[in-house]
Amino acid sequence: MTRYRRKASVEAAPLGAETMLYDPGARRFCQLNATAACVWEQLERPSTAGEISEVVRGRFTAGPNAQVEADVAEAIRMLMGLELIESTSDQRQAPHPASRTPQPGGQR
């Protein structure tokens, strides 16, 4: 399951219902609309797109679930594209059996 989180270096300031972000590494500002600002707020802790969609649905007079999910997915894509957030994975993949290091005295 993929979770998303803010990059620690990005600074944020409220701007009415919106949020202004500053990425010092890229020397770039980004203004988020109210929906994207809500997404940013939820990324204070690692969250899935589904978890974020539930909060957005509860905060705004939202349309159909599919539209809320599409809006959240678009905000996540935009924030990822600007490298303001990063993804993490809850699942750890086991190494492929062929990549295991042989153990001394092991069976053939």
N, C-alpha and C. Protein backbone atom coordinates (compact mmCIF):
# COMPACT_ATOMS: atom_id res chain seq x y z
N MET A 1 0.86 -1.17 0.00
CA MET A 1 0.00 0.00 0.00
C MET A 1 0.90 1.23 0.00
N THR A 2 0.66 2.11 -0.91
CA THR A 2 1.49 3.31 -1.04
C THR A 2 0.95 4.41 -0.15
N ARG A 3 1.84 4.99 0.61
CA ARG A 3 1.53 6.16 1.43
C ARG A 3 2.37 7.32 0.91
N TYR A 4 1.86 8.50 1.13
CA TYR A 4 2.54 9.71 0.69
C TYR A 4 2.83 10.56 1.91
N ARG A 5 3.92 11.32 1.83
CA ARG A 5 4.25 12.23 2.93
C ARG A 5 4.94 13.46 2.36
N ARG A 6 4.90 14.52 3.15
CA ARG A 6 5.55 15.77 2.77
C ARG A 6 7.07 15.59 2.80
N LYS A 7 7.76 16.31 1.96
CA LYS A 7 9.21 16.38 2.09
C LYS A 7 9.49 17.38 3.20
N ALA A 8 10.39 17.02 4.08
CA ALA A 8 10.66 17.82 5.27
C ALA A 8 11.18 19.22 4.94
N SER A 9 11.83 19.39 3.83
CA SER A 9 12.44 20.67 3.50
C SER A 9 11.44 21.71 2.98
N VAL A 10 10.23 21.28 2.62
CA VAL A 10 9.24 22.19 2.03
C VAL A 10 8.55 22.98 3.14
N GLU A 11 8.49 24.29 2.95
CA GLU A 11 7.85 25.18 3.91
C GLU A 11 6.45 25.52 3.43
N ALA A 12 5.52 25.70 4.36
CA ALA A 12 4.13 25.99 4.02
C ALA A 12 3.61 27.15 4.85
N ALA A 13 2.73 27.93 4.22
CA ALA A 13 2.08 29.04 4.92
C ALA A 13 0.64 29.12 4.44
N PRO A 14 -0.32 29.28 5.39
CA PRO A 14 -1.72 29.41 4.98
C PRO A 14 -1.93 30.72 4.22
N LEU A 15 -2.85 30.66 3.29
CA LEU A 15 -3.19 31.83 2.48
C LEU A 15 -4.69 31.79 2.26
N GLY A 16 -5.44 32.18 3.30
CA GLY A 16 -6.89 32.05 3.26
C GLY A 16 -7.23 30.56 3.30
N ALA A 17 -8.08 30.10 2.37
CA ALA A 17 -8.43 28.68 2.29
C ALA A 17 -7.36 27.91 1.52
N GLU A 18 -6.41 28.62 0.96
CA GLU A 18 -5.35 28.01 0.17
C GLU A 18 -4.07 27.91 0.99
N THR A 19 -3.04 27.34 0.39
CA THR A 19 -1.74 27.22 1.06
C THR A 19 -0.64 27.56 0.06
N MET A 20 0.37 28.28 0.53
CA MET A 20 1.53 28.61 -0.28
C MET A 20 2.68 27.71 0.19
N LEU A 21 3.32 27.02 -0.75
CA LEU A 21 4.46 26.17 -0.44
C LEU A 21 5.72 26.80 -1.02
N TYR A 22 6.82 26.59 -0.34
CA TYR A 22 8.12 27.03 -0.85
C TYR A 22 9.09 25.87 -0.73
N ASP A 23 9.70 25.52 -1.85
CA ASP A 23 10.71 24.47 -1.89
C ASP A 23 12.06 25.16 -2.02
N PRO A 24 12.82 25.25 -0.92
CA PRO A 24 14.09 25.96 -0.97
C PRO A 24 15.12 25.31 -1.89
N GLY A 25 15.07 24.00 -2.03
CA GLY A 25 16.02 23.32 -2.91
C GLY A 25 15.83 23.71 -4.37
N ALA A 26 14.59 23.85 -4.77
CA ALA A 26 14.28 24.22 -6.16
C ALA A 26 14.07 25.72 -6.31
N ARG A 27 14.04 26.43 -5.18
CA ARG A 27 13.77 27.88 -5.18
C ARG A 27 12.47 28.16 -5.92
N ARG A 28 11.41 27.44 -5.50
CA ARG A 28 10.15 27.52 -6.21
C ARG A 28 9.00 27.65 -5.21
N PHE A 29 8.04 28.53 -5.55
CA PHE A 29 6.80 28.66 -4.80
C PHE A 29 5.71 27.90 -5.54
N CYS A 30 4.72 27.43 -4.78
CA CYS A 30 3.57 26.74 -5.36
C CYS A 30 2.34 27.09 -4.53
N GLN A 31 1.31 27.61 -5.17
CA GLN A 31 0.08 27.95 -4.48
C GLN A 31 -0.93 26.83 -4.68
N LEU A 32 -1.44 26.31 -3.57
CA LEU A 32 -2.40 25.21 -3.61
C LEU A 32 -3.81 25.74 -3.41
N ASN A 33 -4.75 25.25 -4.23
CA ASN A 33 -6.15 25.61 -4.02
C ASN A 33 -6.65 24.91 -2.76
N ALA A 34 -7.90 25.13 -2.40
CA ALA A 34 -8.43 24.60 -1.14
C ALA A 34 -8.36 23.08 -1.08
N THR A 35 -8.67 22.40 -2.18
CA THR A 35 -8.62 20.93 -2.18
C THR A 35 -7.20 20.43 -2.02
N ALA A 36 -6.28 20.97 -2.81
CA ALA A 36 -4.87 20.56 -2.72
C ALA A 36 -4.29 20.93 -1.35
N ALA A 37 -4.74 22.05 -0.78
CA ALA A 37 -4.29 22.45 0.56
C ALA A 37 -4.75 21.43 1.60
N CYS A 38 -5.96 20.91 1.44
CA CYS A 38 -6.47 19.87 2.33
C CYS A 38 -5.63 18.60 2.19
N VAL A 39 -5.27 18.25 0.96
CA VAL A 39 -4.40 17.10 0.73
C VAL A 39 -3.07 17.33 1.44
N TRP A 40 -2.47 18.50 1.26
CA TRP A 40 -1.19 18.83 1.90
C TRP A 40 -1.30 18.69 3.42
N GLU A 41 -2.38 19.21 3.97
CA GLU A 41 -2.59 19.14 5.42
C GLU A 41 -2.59 17.68 5.90
N GLN A 42 -3.24 16.80 5.15
CA GLN A 42 -3.31 15.39 5.55
C GLN A 42 -1.96 14.69 5.44
N LEU A 43 -1.06 15.25 4.66
CA LEU A 43 0.25 14.63 4.47
C LEU A 43 1.24 15.01 5.58
N GLU A 44 0.73 15.61 6.64
CA GLU A 44 1.56 15.87 7.82
C GLU A 44 2.06 14.53 8.38
N ARG A 45 1.24 13.49 8.19
CA ARG A 45 1.65 12.12 8.52
C ARG A 45 1.45 11.30 7.26
N PRO A 46 2.24 10.25 7.07
CA PRO A 46 2.06 9.43 5.87
C PRO A 46 0.62 8.92 5.75
N SER A 47 0.04 9.11 4.57
CA SER A 47 -1.36 8.75 4.33
C SER A 47 -1.52 8.17 2.94
N THR A 48 -2.54 7.31 2.80
CA THR A 48 -2.87 6.77 1.48
C THR A 48 -3.82 7.73 0.77
N ALA A 49 -3.94 7.56 -0.53
CA ALA A 49 -4.88 8.38 -1.30
C ALA A 49 -6.30 8.15 -0.80
N GLY A 50 -6.62 6.93 -0.42
CA GLY A 50 -7.96 6.63 0.10
C GLY A 50 -8.25 7.35 1.41
N GLU A 51 -7.27 7.36 2.30
CA GLU A 51 -7.44 8.07 3.58
C GLU A 51 -7.64 9.56 3.34
N ILE A 52 -6.86 10.11 2.43
CA ILE A 52 -6.98 11.54 2.13
C ILE A 52 -8.34 11.83 1.51
N SER A 53 -8.79 10.96 0.60
CA SER A 53 -10.10 11.15 -0.05
C SER A 53 -11.23 11.20 0.97
N GLU A 54 -11.16 10.36 2.00
CA GLU A 54 -12.19 10.36 3.04
C GLU A 54 -12.26 11.71 3.75
N VAL A 55 -11.10 12.30 4.05
CA VAL A 55 -11.06 13.60 4.73
C VAL A 55 -11.60 14.68 3.80
N VAL A 56 -11.17 14.67 2.54
CA VAL A 56 -11.64 15.67 1.58
C VAL A 56 -13.15 15.57 1.43
N ARG A 57 -13.67 14.35 1.32
CA ARG A 57 -15.11 14.13 1.18
C ARG A 57 -15.86 14.70 2.39
N GLY A 58 -15.29 14.54 3.58
CA GLY A 58 -15.93 15.04 4.79
C GLY A 58 -15.82 16.55 4.97
N ARG A 59 -14.77 17.13 4.42
CA ARG A 59 -14.55 18.56 4.63
C ARG A 59 -15.31 19.43 3.65
N PHE A 60 -15.48 18.97 2.43
CA PHE A 60 -16.12 19.77 1.39
C PHE A 60 -17.46 19.15 1.01
N THR A 61 -18.35 19.96 0.46
CA THR A 61 -19.56 19.42 -0.13
C THR A 61 -19.09 18.77 -1.41
N ALA A 62 -18.84 17.51 -1.30
CA ALA A 62 -18.18 16.79 -2.39
C ALA A 62 -19.18 16.21 -3.36
N GLY A 63 -18.70 15.99 -4.56
CA GLY A 63 -19.49 15.33 -5.59
C GLY A 63 -19.40 13.83 -5.41
N PRO A 64 -19.56 13.12 -6.50
CA PRO A 64 -19.48 11.66 -6.44
C PRO A 64 -18.11 11.20 -5.92
N ASN A 65 -18.10 10.05 -5.26
CA ASN A 65 -16.85 9.51 -4.71
C ASN A 65 -15.75 9.43 -5.76
N ALA A 66 -16.12 9.01 -6.96
CA ALA A 66 -15.12 8.88 -8.03
C ALA A 66 -14.48 10.23 -8.35
N GLN A 67 -15.26 11.31 -8.30
CA GLN A 67 -14.70 12.63 -8.59
C GLN A 67 -13.76 13.08 -7.49
N VAL A 68 -14.13 12.83 -6.23
CA VAL A 68 -13.25 13.18 -5.10
C VAL A 68 -11.94 12.42 -5.22
N GLU A 69 -12.03 11.12 -5.50
CA GLU A 69 -10.82 10.30 -5.64
C GLU A 69 -9.96 10.79 -6.80
N ALA A 70 -10.59 11.19 -7.91
CA ALA A 70 -9.84 11.70 -9.06
C ALA A 70 -9.16 13.02 -8.71
N ASP A 71 -9.85 13.90 -7.97
CA ASP A 71 -9.26 15.18 -7.57
C ASP A 71 -8.08 14.97 -6.64
N VAL A 72 -8.21 14.05 -5.69
CA VAL A 72 -7.12 13.76 -4.77
C VAL A 72 -5.94 13.15 -5.53
N ALA A 73 -6.23 12.22 -6.42
CA ALA A 73 -5.16 11.59 -7.22
C ALA A 73 -4.43 12.64 -8.05
N GLU A 74 -5.16 13.59 -8.62
CA GLU A 74 -4.53 14.65 -9.42
C GLU A 74 -3.65 15.54 -8.53
N ALA A 75 -4.13 15.89 -7.34
CA ALA A 75 -3.32 16.70 -6.43
C ALA A 75 -2.04 15.96 -6.04
N ILE A 76 -2.16 14.67 -5.77
CA ILE A 76 -0.97 13.87 -5.43
C ILE A 76 0.00 13.82 -6.60
N ARG A 77 -0.52 13.61 -7.82
CA ARG A 77 0.35 13.59 -9.01
C ARG A 77 1.08 14.92 -9.17
N MET A 78 0.36 16.02 -8.98
CA MET A 78 0.96 17.34 -9.12
C MET A 78 2.05 17.56 -8.07
N LEU A 79 1.75 17.21 -6.82
CA LEU A 79 2.73 17.39 -5.74
C LEU A 79 3.94 16.48 -5.93
N MET A 80 3.72 15.26 -6.41
CA MET A 80 4.83 14.35 -6.70
C MET A 80 5.67 14.90 -7.85
N GLY A 81 5.01 15.38 -8.89
CA GLY A 81 5.71 15.92 -10.05
C GLY A 81 6.58 17.11 -9.72
N LEU A 82 6.13 17.91 -8.75
CA LEU A 82 6.92 19.06 -8.31
C LEU A 82 7.92 18.68 -7.22
N GLU A 83 7.94 17.41 -6.88
CA GLU A 83 8.85 16.86 -5.86
C GLU A 83 8.68 17.54 -4.50
N LEU A 84 7.40 17.81 -4.15
CA LEU A 84 7.08 18.40 -2.86
C LEU A 84 6.69 17.33 -1.84
N ILE A 85 6.30 16.16 -2.36
CA ILE A 85 5.97 15.02 -1.50
C ILE A 85 6.70 13.80 -2.04
N GLU A 86 6.70 12.74 -1.24
CA GLU A 86 7.33 11.49 -1.66
C GLU A 86 6.44 10.34 -1.26
N SER A 87 6.64 9.21 -1.91
CA SER A 87 5.84 8.03 -1.59
C SER A 87 6.67 7.05 -0.78
N THR A 88 5.97 6.28 0.01
CA THR A 88 6.58 5.21 0.79
C THR A 88 5.73 3.98 0.58
N SER A 89 6.25 2.85 0.88
CA SER A 89 5.50 1.61 0.73
C SER A 89 5.47 0.90 2.06
N ASP A 90 4.29 0.40 2.44
CA ASP A 90 4.14 -0.34 3.68
C ASP A 90 4.64 -1.77 3.54
N GLN A 91 4.68 -2.25 2.32
CA GLN A 91 5.06 -3.64 2.10
C GLN A 91 6.54 -3.72 1.76
N ARG A 92 7.21 -4.65 2.39
CA ARG A 92 8.60 -4.90 2.06
C ARG A 92 8.64 -6.14 1.20
N GLN A 93 9.35 -6.04 0.12
CA GLN A 93 9.43 -7.18 -0.77
C GLN A 93 10.55 -8.09 -0.31
N ALA A 94 10.25 -9.37 -0.27
CA ALA A 94 11.26 -10.37 0.07
C ALA A 94 12.23 -10.48 -1.10
N PRO A 95 13.51 -10.73 -0.83
CA PRO A 95 14.45 -10.88 -1.93
C PRO A 95 14.10 -12.10 -2.77
N HIS A 96 14.38 -12.00 -4.03
CA HIS A 96 14.14 -13.11 -4.95
C HIS A 96 15.03 -14.27 -4.52
N PRO A 97 14.49 -15.52 -4.51
CA PRO A 97 15.28 -16.67 -4.06
C PRO A 97 16.63 -16.80 -4.77
N ALA A 98 16.69 -16.44 -6.03
CA ALA A 98 17.95 -16.58 -6.78
C ALA A 98 18.99 -15.57 -6.31
N SER A 99 18.56 -14.52 -5.60
CA SER A 99 19.51 -13.49 -5.18
C SER A 99 20.05 -13.73 -3.77
N ARG A 100 19.66 -14.82 -3.15
CA ARG A 100 20.15 -15.13 -1.81
C ARG A 100 21.64 -15.44 -1.84
N THR A 101 22.33 -15.02 -0.81
CA THR A 101 23.75 -15.32 -0.70
C THR A 101 23.92 -16.73 -0.17
N PRO A 102 24.74 -17.57 -0.84
CA PRO A 102 24.94 -18.94 -0.35
C PRO A 102 25.56 -18.92 1.03
N GLN A 103 25.09 -19.81 1.88
CA GLN A 103 25.62 -19.95 3.23
C GLN A 103 26.65 -21.05 3.28
N PRO A 104 27.74 -20.88 4.03
CA PRO A 104 28.75 -21.93 4.15
C PRO A 104 28.11 -23.19 4.71
N GLY A 105 28.48 -24.32 4.16
CA GLY A 105 27.98 -25.60 4.64
C GLY A 105 26.55 -25.85 4.27
N GLY A 106 26.00 -25.06 3.37
CA GLY A 106 24.61 -25.22 2.99
C GLY A 106 24.40 -26.44 2.11
N GLN A 107 23.16 -26.77 1.92
CA GLN A 107 22.83 -27.93 1.09
C GLN A 107 22.96 -27.56 -0.39
N ARG A 108 23.26 -28.58 -1.18
CA ARG A 108 23.40 -28.36 -2.63
C ARG A 108 22.16 -28.75 -3.33
